[in-house]
Amino acid sequence: MKLPATLQVLLADDSRTMRALIKGNFIWPGTSFQFIEVDNGVDAVAAYRSRRFDIVLLDIHMPGLDGLRVLSAIRSYDPCALVYMISSDTSMAASGTAQDYGAAVSRSRAHYLLMAFRRQHSAAARSGCLHRRPGARS
């Protein structure tokens, strides 16, 4: 399956350096990524409620609301949201908790994250989630 030409990405991380690193490594042939960046959990929830995104990237540890609470808020608002947790916290507890909340967890590079997105995007299309999301592209 080919990715859409443009993907809208919500990137929530309190580290400006990490946001720049993530954005700089998000490359997929034929696809451009439009990022909206926030540095805390409260702004992440507000951004998602103001518009839906194709991908949400959340740091687990952020001021205000942590990434797990943001994930929970986004899932309650949009159960079909494609949310990935990206964190330097490699503990199994953090990873397991994020997965319990419904996130895909990646401690790998952006390339592998995008490959995981392609698999989830395909699964979402098969399940009908893409068609239920306002403004979503199939």
N, C-alpha and C. Protein backbone atom coordinates (compact mmCIF):
# COMPACT_ATOMS: atom_id res chain seq x y z
N MET A 1 0.84 -1.18 0.00
CA MET A 1 0.00 0.00 0.00
C MET A 1 0.88 1.24 0.00
N LYS A 2 0.51 2.19 -0.80
CA LYS A 2 1.25 3.44 -0.89
C LYS A 2 0.68 4.44 0.12
N LEU A 3 1.58 5.21 0.73
CA LEU A 3 1.14 6.26 1.65
C LEU A 3 0.55 7.42 0.86
N PRO A 4 -0.35 8.19 1.47
CA PRO A 4 -0.87 9.40 0.81
C PRO A 4 0.25 10.38 0.49
N ALA A 5 0.00 11.29 -0.43
CA ALA A 5 1.02 12.28 -0.84
C ALA A 5 1.41 13.20 0.31
N THR A 6 0.46 13.53 1.17
CA THR A 6 0.73 14.41 2.30
C THR A 6 0.10 13.81 3.55
N LEU A 7 0.86 13.81 4.63
CA LEU A 7 0.35 13.34 5.92
C LEU A 7 0.47 14.47 6.94
N GLN A 8 -0.60 14.66 7.70
CA GLN A 8 -0.63 15.64 8.77
C GLN A 8 -0.18 14.95 10.05
N VAL A 9 0.85 15.50 10.70
CA VAL A 9 1.45 14.87 11.87
C VAL A 9 1.40 15.82 13.06
N LEU A 10 0.86 15.35 14.17
CA LEU A 10 0.93 16.08 15.43
C LEU A 10 2.11 15.52 16.20
N LEU A 11 3.09 16.36 16.50
CA LEU A 11 4.30 15.95 17.19
C LEU A 11 4.34 16.64 18.56
N ALA A 12 4.19 15.84 19.61
CA ALA A 12 4.17 16.38 20.98
C ALA A 12 5.36 15.86 21.76
N ASP A 13 6.29 16.74 22.03
CA ASP A 13 7.49 16.41 22.81
C ASP A 13 7.99 17.69 23.46
N ASP A 14 8.36 17.63 24.73
CA ASP A 14 8.80 18.84 25.42
C ASP A 14 10.22 19.24 25.04
N SER A 15 10.92 18.41 24.31
CA SER A 15 12.29 18.73 23.90
C SER A 15 12.31 19.24 22.46
N ARG A 16 12.71 20.49 22.29
CA ARG A 16 12.82 21.07 20.96
C ARG A 16 13.82 20.28 20.11
N THR A 17 14.89 19.83 20.74
CA THR A 17 15.91 19.05 20.03
C THR A 17 15.34 17.74 19.51
N MET A 18 14.56 17.05 20.32
CA MET A 18 13.95 15.78 19.89
C MET A 18 12.94 16.01 18.77
N ARG A 19 12.17 17.09 18.86
CA ARG A 19 11.22 17.37 17.79
C ARG A 19 11.95 17.60 16.48
N ALA A 20 13.05 18.34 16.52
CA ALA A 20 13.83 18.60 15.31
C ALA A 20 14.42 17.30 14.77
N LEU A 21 14.92 16.46 15.65
CA LEU A 21 15.50 15.18 15.24
C LEU A 21 14.45 14.29 14.58
N ILE A 22 13.30 14.21 15.20
CA ILE A 22 12.21 13.38 14.64
C ILE A 22 11.79 13.92 13.28
N LYS A 23 11.55 15.21 13.19
CA LYS A 23 11.13 15.80 11.91
C LYS A 23 12.19 15.58 10.82
N GLY A 24 13.45 15.71 11.19
CA GLY A 24 14.52 15.56 10.22
C GLY A 24 14.68 14.15 9.70
N ASN A 25 14.16 13.18 10.43
CA ASN A 25 14.29 11.78 10.02
C ASN A 25 12.99 11.19 9.48
N PHE A 26 11.99 11.99 9.35
CA PHE A 26 10.72 11.52 8.80
C PHE A 26 10.74 11.70 7.29
N ILE A 27 11.18 10.67 6.61
CA ILE A 27 11.33 10.73 5.16
C ILE A 27 10.71 9.46 4.57
N TRP A 28 9.85 9.64 3.59
CA TRP A 28 9.31 8.51 2.87
C TRP A 28 9.11 8.95 1.43
N PRO A 29 9.65 8.21 0.46
CA PRO A 29 9.55 8.62 -0.95
C PRO A 29 8.10 8.86 -1.37
N GLY A 30 7.87 10.00 -1.97
CA GLY A 30 6.55 10.33 -2.49
C GLY A 30 5.58 10.87 -1.46
N THR A 31 6.01 11.05 -0.22
CA THR A 31 5.12 11.55 0.83
C THR A 31 5.77 12.74 1.52
N SER A 32 5.00 13.80 1.69
CA SER A 32 5.48 14.93 2.47
C SER A 32 4.73 14.94 3.80
N PHE A 33 5.41 15.42 4.83
CA PHE A 33 4.85 15.44 6.17
C PHE A 33 4.69 16.88 6.62
N GLN A 34 3.49 17.24 7.04
CA GLN A 34 3.23 18.56 7.57
C GLN A 34 3.06 18.42 9.08
N PHE A 35 3.99 18.99 9.82
CA PHE A 35 4.03 18.85 11.27
C PHE A 35 3.40 20.03 11.97
N ILE A 36 2.62 19.73 12.98
CA ILE A 36 2.21 20.70 13.99
C ILE A 36 2.91 20.26 15.26
N GLU A 37 3.70 21.15 15.84
CA GLU A 37 4.48 20.82 17.02
C GLU A 37 3.90 21.47 18.27
N VAL A 38 3.88 20.70 19.35
CA VAL A 38 3.51 21.23 20.67
C VAL A 38 4.51 20.69 21.67
N ASP A 39 4.66 21.40 22.80
CA ASP A 39 5.67 20.99 23.77
C ASP A 39 5.09 20.53 25.11
N ASN A 40 3.77 20.30 25.14
CA ASN A 40 3.16 19.80 26.37
C ASN A 40 1.86 19.07 26.05
N GLY A 41 1.41 18.30 27.03
CA GLY A 41 0.23 17.47 26.82
C GLY A 41 -1.07 18.23 26.65
N VAL A 42 -1.25 19.30 27.38
CA VAL A 42 -2.48 20.09 27.27
C VAL A 42 -2.64 20.63 25.85
N ASP A 43 -1.56 21.17 25.30
CA ASP A 43 -1.61 21.69 23.93
C ASP A 43 -1.81 20.58 22.91
N ALA A 44 -1.30 19.38 23.20
CA ALA A 44 -1.48 18.25 22.28
C ALA A 44 -2.96 17.88 22.18
N VAL A 45 -3.63 17.80 23.31
CA VAL A 45 -5.06 17.48 23.30
C VAL A 45 -5.84 18.57 22.57
N ALA A 46 -5.53 19.83 22.86
CA ALA A 46 -6.22 20.94 22.19
C ALA A 46 -5.99 20.91 20.69
N ALA A 47 -4.78 20.64 20.27
CA ALA A 47 -4.47 20.57 18.83
C ALA A 47 -5.27 19.46 18.16
N TYR A 48 -5.34 18.30 18.80
CA TYR A 48 -6.07 17.20 18.19
C TYR A 48 -7.57 17.47 18.13
N ARG A 49 -8.08 18.12 19.14
CA ARG A 49 -9.52 18.45 19.12
C ARG A 49 -9.85 19.51 18.08
N SER A 50 -8.86 20.34 17.74
CA SER A 50 -9.11 21.38 16.74
C SER A 50 -9.08 20.83 15.31
N ARG A 51 -8.35 19.73 15.12
CA ARG A 51 -8.33 19.09 13.81
C ARG A 51 -7.73 17.70 13.94
N ARG A 52 -8.16 16.82 13.10
CA ARG A 52 -7.66 15.45 13.13
C ARG A 52 -6.34 15.35 12.38
N PHE A 53 -5.51 14.45 12.82
CA PHE A 53 -4.20 14.23 12.20
C PHE A 53 -4.11 12.80 11.70
N ASP A 54 -3.28 12.60 10.67
CA ASP A 54 -3.06 11.25 10.15
C ASP A 54 -2.21 10.43 11.11
N ILE A 55 -1.24 11.08 11.76
CA ILE A 55 -0.35 10.42 12.71
C ILE A 55 -0.18 11.34 13.92
N VAL A 56 -0.16 10.74 15.10
CA VAL A 56 0.15 11.48 16.32
C VAL A 56 1.39 10.83 16.94
N LEU A 57 2.40 11.65 17.21
CA LEU A 57 3.62 11.18 17.86
C LEU A 57 3.69 11.83 19.23
N LEU A 58 3.71 11.00 20.29
CA LEU A 58 3.67 11.52 21.65
C LEU A 58 4.88 11.05 22.45
N ASP A 59 5.51 11.99 23.13
CA ASP A 59 6.49 11.63 24.14
C ASP A 59 5.72 11.15 25.36
N ILE A 60 6.26 10.18 26.08
CA ILE A 60 5.56 9.70 27.27
C ILE A 60 5.64 10.71 28.40
N HIS A 61 6.82 11.32 28.59
CA HIS A 61 7.03 12.24 29.71
C HIS A 61 7.01 13.68 29.22
N MET A 62 5.91 14.40 29.53
CA MET A 62 5.77 15.80 29.15
C MET A 62 5.12 16.55 30.31
N PRO A 63 5.34 17.87 30.35
CA PRO A 63 4.67 18.67 31.39
C PRO A 63 3.17 18.79 31.13
N GLY A 64 2.44 19.13 32.15
CA GLY A 64 0.99 19.25 32.03
C GLY A 64 0.38 17.87 32.10
N LEU A 65 -0.05 17.37 30.98
CA LEU A 65 -0.52 15.98 30.88
C LEU A 65 0.61 15.16 30.29
N ASP A 66 0.88 13.99 30.87
CA ASP A 66 1.90 13.14 30.25
C ASP A 66 1.32 12.48 29.00
N GLY A 67 2.17 11.85 28.23
CA GLY A 67 1.76 11.26 26.97
C GLY A 67 0.67 10.21 27.10
N LEU A 68 0.69 9.45 28.19
CA LEU A 68 -0.34 8.42 28.38
C LEU A 68 -1.71 9.04 28.62
N ARG A 69 -1.76 10.14 29.35
CA ARG A 69 -3.04 10.82 29.57
C ARG A 69 -3.51 11.49 28.28
N VAL A 70 -2.57 12.01 27.51
CA VAL A 70 -2.92 12.59 26.20
C VAL A 70 -3.48 11.50 25.30
N LEU A 71 -2.82 10.36 25.28
CA LEU A 71 -3.29 9.23 24.49
C LEU A 71 -4.70 8.84 24.87
N SER A 72 -4.96 8.75 26.16
CA SER A 72 -6.29 8.40 26.64
C SER A 72 -7.33 9.44 26.19
N ALA A 73 -6.98 10.72 26.29
CA ALA A 73 -7.91 11.78 25.88
C ALA A 73 -8.19 11.72 24.38
N ILE A 74 -7.14 11.50 23.59
CA ILE A 74 -7.31 11.42 22.13
C ILE A 74 -8.16 10.19 21.78
N ARG A 75 -7.88 9.06 22.39
CA ARG A 75 -8.64 7.83 22.11
C ARG A 75 -10.11 7.99 22.49
N SER A 76 -10.40 8.71 23.58
CA SER A 76 -11.81 8.90 23.96
C SER A 76 -12.52 9.79 22.95
N TYR A 77 -11.78 10.69 22.33
CA TYR A 77 -12.33 11.60 21.34
C TYR A 77 -12.39 10.94 19.96
N ASP A 78 -11.37 10.15 19.63
CA ASP A 78 -11.27 9.52 18.32
C ASP A 78 -10.64 8.13 18.47
N PRO A 79 -11.46 7.09 18.62
CA PRO A 79 -10.93 5.75 18.82
C PRO A 79 -10.08 5.24 17.64
N CYS A 80 -10.21 5.86 16.49
CA CYS A 80 -9.46 5.43 15.31
C CYS A 80 -8.13 6.16 15.13
N ALA A 81 -7.78 7.04 16.05
CA ALA A 81 -6.54 7.81 15.92
C ALA A 81 -5.33 6.87 15.85
N LEU A 82 -4.40 7.19 14.98
CA LEU A 82 -3.15 6.44 14.86
C LEU A 82 -2.11 7.16 15.71
N VAL A 83 -1.85 6.61 16.88
CA VAL A 83 -0.98 7.26 17.86
C VAL A 83 0.25 6.38 18.11
N TYR A 84 1.41 7.01 18.07
CA TYR A 84 2.67 6.33 18.35
C TYR A 84 3.35 7.04 19.51
N MET A 85 3.83 6.24 20.45
CA MET A 85 4.59 6.79 21.57
C MET A 85 6.06 6.71 21.20
N ILE A 86 6.73 7.83 21.32
CA ILE A 86 8.17 7.88 21.07
C ILE A 86 8.80 8.44 22.32
N SER A 87 9.71 7.66 22.92
CA SER A 87 10.29 8.09 24.18
C SER A 87 11.66 7.49 24.35
N SER A 88 12.48 8.17 25.11
CA SER A 88 13.77 7.60 25.49
C SER A 88 13.60 6.64 26.67
N ASP A 89 12.40 6.58 27.24
CA ASP A 89 12.10 5.66 28.34
C ASP A 89 11.90 4.28 27.74
N THR A 90 12.90 3.42 27.87
CA THR A 90 12.85 2.10 27.26
C THR A 90 12.36 1.02 28.22
N SER A 91 11.83 1.43 29.36
CA SER A 91 11.37 0.43 30.32
C SER A 91 10.16 -0.31 29.77
N MET A 92 10.10 -1.57 30.09
CA MET A 92 8.96 -2.39 29.66
C MET A 92 7.66 -1.87 30.27
N ALA A 93 7.74 -1.30 31.46
CA ALA A 93 6.54 -0.77 32.11
C ALA A 93 5.93 0.35 31.28
N ALA A 94 6.77 1.30 30.84
CA ALA A 94 6.26 2.41 30.02
C ALA A 94 5.73 1.90 28.70
N SER A 95 6.45 1.01 28.07
CA SER A 95 6.04 0.45 26.79
C SER A 95 4.73 -0.32 26.92
N GLY A 96 4.64 -1.17 27.93
CA GLY A 96 3.44 -1.96 28.14
C GLY A 96 2.24 -1.10 28.45
N THR A 97 2.42 -0.09 29.29
CA THR A 97 1.32 0.80 29.63
C THR A 97 0.83 1.55 28.40
N ALA A 98 1.74 2.04 27.58
CA ALA A 98 1.35 2.74 26.35
C ALA A 98 0.57 1.81 25.43
N GLN A 99 1.00 0.58 25.31
CA GLN A 99 0.28 -0.37 24.47
C GLN A 99 -1.09 -0.69 25.07
N ASP A 100 -1.19 -0.76 26.39
CA ASP A 100 -2.48 -0.98 27.04
C ASP A 100 -3.46 0.13 26.70
N TYR A 101 -2.95 1.35 26.54
CA TYR A 101 -3.79 2.49 26.21
C TYR A 101 -4.11 2.54 24.71
N GLY A 102 -3.51 1.65 23.93
CA GLY A 102 -3.83 1.58 22.51
C GLY A 102 -2.82 2.22 21.59
N ALA A 103 -1.62 2.49 22.07
CA ALA A 103 -0.60 3.12 21.22
C ALA A 103 0.30 2.08 20.60
N ALA A 104 0.86 2.45 19.47
CA ALA A 104 1.98 1.70 18.92
C ALA A 104 3.22 2.29 19.58
N VAL A 105 4.15 1.46 19.95
CA VAL A 105 5.33 1.94 20.64
C VAL A 105 6.55 1.72 19.77
N SER A 106 7.35 2.78 19.62
CA SER A 106 8.56 2.67 18.83
C SER A 106 9.73 3.29 19.57
N ARG A 107 10.76 2.50 19.74
CA ARG A 107 12.01 3.03 20.27
C ARG A 107 13.05 2.97 19.15
N SER A 108 12.57 2.84 17.93
CA SER A 108 13.45 2.72 16.79
C SER A 108 13.45 4.01 15.98
N ARG A 109 14.12 3.98 14.87
CA ARG A 109 14.22 5.17 14.03
C ARG A 109 12.94 5.43 13.26
N ALA A 110 12.83 6.61 12.70
CA ALA A 110 11.62 7.02 12.00
C ALA A 110 11.25 6.07 10.87
N HIS A 111 12.23 5.52 10.17
CA HIS A 111 11.94 4.62 9.05
C HIS A 111 11.07 3.45 9.53
N TYR A 112 11.44 2.86 10.65
CA TYR A 112 10.68 1.73 11.16
C TYR A 112 9.31 2.18 11.65
N LEU A 113 9.24 3.36 12.19
CA LEU A 113 7.96 3.91 12.61
C LEU A 113 7.04 4.08 11.41
N LEU A 114 7.58 4.56 10.30
CA LEU A 114 6.76 4.74 9.11
C LEU A 114 6.31 3.41 8.54
N MET A 115 7.17 2.40 8.62
CA MET A 115 6.75 1.08 8.16
C MET A 115 5.62 0.56 9.04
N ALA A 116 5.70 0.79 10.34
CA ALA A 116 4.62 0.41 11.24
C ALA A 116 3.35 1.19 10.91
N PHE A 117 3.51 2.47 10.57
CA PHE A 117 2.35 3.28 10.18
C PHE A 117 1.69 2.69 8.94
N ARG A 118 2.47 2.27 7.96
CA ARG A 118 1.90 1.68 6.75
C ARG A 118 1.06 0.46 7.10
N ARG A 119 1.57 -0.39 8.00
CA ARG A 119 0.81 -1.57 8.40
C ARG A 119 -0.48 -1.16 9.12
N GLN A 120 -0.40 -0.19 10.03
CA GLN A 120 -1.60 0.25 10.76
C GLN A 120 -2.57 0.96 9.83
N HIS A 121 -2.05 1.74 8.89
CA HIS A 121 -2.90 2.45 7.93
C HIS A 121 -3.68 1.43 7.11
N SER A 122 -3.03 0.36 6.69
CA SER A 122 -3.70 -0.70 5.93
C SER A 122 -4.78 -1.36 6.78
N ALA A 123 -4.45 -1.66 8.03
CA ALA A 123 -5.42 -2.28 8.93
C ALA A 123 -6.60 -1.35 9.19
N ALA A 124 -6.33 -0.06 9.34
CA ALA A 124 -7.40 0.91 9.56
C ALA A 124 -8.32 0.99 8.35
N ALA A 125 -7.74 0.93 7.17
CA ALA A 125 -8.55 0.97 5.95
C ALA A 125 -9.45 -0.27 5.88
N ARG A 126 -8.89 -1.42 6.25
CA ARG A 126 -9.69 -2.65 6.22
C ARG A 126 -10.80 -2.62 7.26
N SER A 127 -10.55 -2.01 8.42
CA SER A 127 -11.54 -1.99 9.49
C SER A 127 -12.59 -0.90 9.31
N GLY A 128 -12.37 0.01 8.39
CA GLY A 128 -13.31 1.10 8.17
C GLY A 128 -13.00 2.35 8.97
N CYS A 129 -11.96 2.34 9.79
CA CYS A 129 -11.63 3.51 10.60
C CYS A 129 -11.31 4.72 9.73
N LEU A 130 -10.64 4.52 8.61
CA LEU A 130 -10.29 5.67 7.77
C LEU A 130 -11.52 6.36 7.23
N HIS A 131 -12.56 5.58 6.98
CA HIS A 131 -13.77 6.18 6.43
C HIS A 131 -14.62 6.89 7.48
N ARG A 132 -14.41 6.55 8.76
CA ARG A 132 -15.18 7.19 9.83
C ARG A 132 -14.54 8.46 10.33
N ARG A 133 -13.27 8.70 9.97
CA ARG A 133 -12.57 9.88 10.47
C ARG A 133 -12.88 11.08 9.58
N PRO A 134 -13.38 12.18 10.13
CA PRO A 134 -13.64 13.36 9.32
C PRO A 134 -12.36 13.83 8.63
N GLY A 135 -12.47 14.07 7.35
CA GLY A 135 -11.32 14.60 6.60
C GLY A 135 -10.28 13.57 6.30
N ALA A 136 -10.50 12.31 6.66
CA ALA A 136 -9.48 11.28 6.41
C ALA A 136 -9.48 10.90 4.95
N ARG A 137 -8.30 10.53 4.51
CA ARG A 137 -8.13 10.09 3.14
C ARG A 137 -7.92 8.59 3.14
N SER A 138 -8.51 7.91 2.18
CA SER A 138 -8.29 6.46 2.10
C SER A 138 -7.27 6.13 1.05
